[in-house]
């Protein structure tokens, strides 16, 4: 279930700037948060993430990086 606008408004200010340090532009944070929520709500494995959320590796890596940097 995607985030509501009210939920997103509370979360968005806590997330880092979307400007990448290197490489291309990051996928939209809201879509990544929705993908992470889907994964944990369903209990599914990362490799089964629906294509609409993008690459499972990209979502997993972003979650991992956010965990490491305290986001």
Protein backbone atom coordinates (compact mmCIF):
# COMPACT_ATOMS: atom_id res chain seq x y z
CA UNK A 1 0.00 0.00 0.00
CA UNK A 2 1.59 3.32 -1.06
CA UNK A 3 2.17 6.12 1.41
CA UNK A 4 -0.55 8.69 1.81
CA UNK A 5 0.31 12.35 1.15
CA UNK A 6 0.12 13.05 4.89
CA UNK A 7 2.56 10.22 5.69
CA UNK A 8 4.93 11.39 2.96
CA UNK A 9 4.82 14.98 4.26
CA UNK A 10 6.08 13.73 7.64
CA UNK A 11 8.84 11.53 6.20
CA UNK A 12 10.19 13.66 3.33
CA UNK A 13 12.07 16.24 5.45
CA UNK A 14 13.99 13.42 7.18
CA UNK A 15 15.47 12.05 3.95
CA UNK A 16 18.76 13.16 2.39
CA UNK A 17 19.09 15.40 -0.65
CA UNK A 18 18.41 13.46 -3.86
CA UNK A 19 21.52 14.83 -5.57
CA UNK A 20 23.81 11.86 -6.09
CA UNK A 21 27.45 11.97 -5.06
CA UNK A 22 28.36 10.13 -8.23
CA UNK A 23 26.64 8.41 -11.13
CA UNK A 24 23.12 9.15 -12.31
CA UNK A 25 20.09 10.61 -10.62
CA UNK A 26 18.54 8.64 -7.77
CA UNK A 27 15.11 7.07 -8.07
CA UNK A 28 12.42 9.08 -6.32
CA UNK A 29 12.62 8.65 -2.52
CA UNK A 30 8.86 8.18 -2.23
CA UNK A 31 8.92 5.25 -4.64
CA UNK A 32 11.80 3.68 -2.72
CA UNK A 33 9.96 4.08 0.61
CA UNK A 34 6.88 2.45 -0.96
CA UNK A 35 9.08 -0.44 -2.19
CA UNK A 36 10.62 -0.92 1.26
CA UNK A 37 7.16 -0.88 2.85
CA UNK A 38 5.91 -3.44 0.31
CA UNK A 39 8.82 -5.76 1.07
CA UNK A 40 8.29 -5.69 4.83
CA UNK A 41 4.48 -5.81 4.66
CA UNK A 42 4.52 -8.89 2.45
CA UNK A 43 7.54 -10.60 4.01
CA UNK A 44 8.71 -11.36 0.49
CA UNK A 45 12.33 -11.64 -0.58
CA UNK A 46 13.99 -8.65 -2.24
CA UNK A 47 14.27 -10.46 -5.57
CA UNK A 48 10.45 -10.65 -5.75
CA UNK A 49 9.98 -6.87 -5.59
CA UNK A 50 7.49 -5.85 -8.31
CA UNK A 51 9.08 -4.13 -11.33
CA UNK A 52 6.97 -1.01 -10.70
CA UNK A 53 9.29 -0.20 -7.78
CA UNK A 54 12.43 -0.47 -9.87
CA UNK A 55 15.47 -2.63 -9.31
CA UNK A 56 15.38 -4.61 -6.08
CA UNK A 57 19.15 -4.14 -5.79
CA UNK A 58 18.77 -0.37 -5.98
CA UNK A 59 16.05 -0.32 -3.31
CA UNK A 60 18.01 -2.67 -1.05
CA UNK A 61 21.20 -0.64 -1.49
CA UNK A 62 19.41 2.63 -0.65
CA UNK A 63 17.89 1.08 2.49
CA UNK A 64 21.30 -0.27 3.49
CA UNK A 65 23.00 3.08 2.90
CA UNK A 66 20.31 4.89 4.90
CA UNK A 67 20.77 2.42 7.75
CA UNK A 68 24.54 2.95 7.72
CA UNK A 69 24.35 6.77 7.63
CA UNK A 70 21.57 6.98 10.22
CA UNK A 71 18.84 8.20 7.91
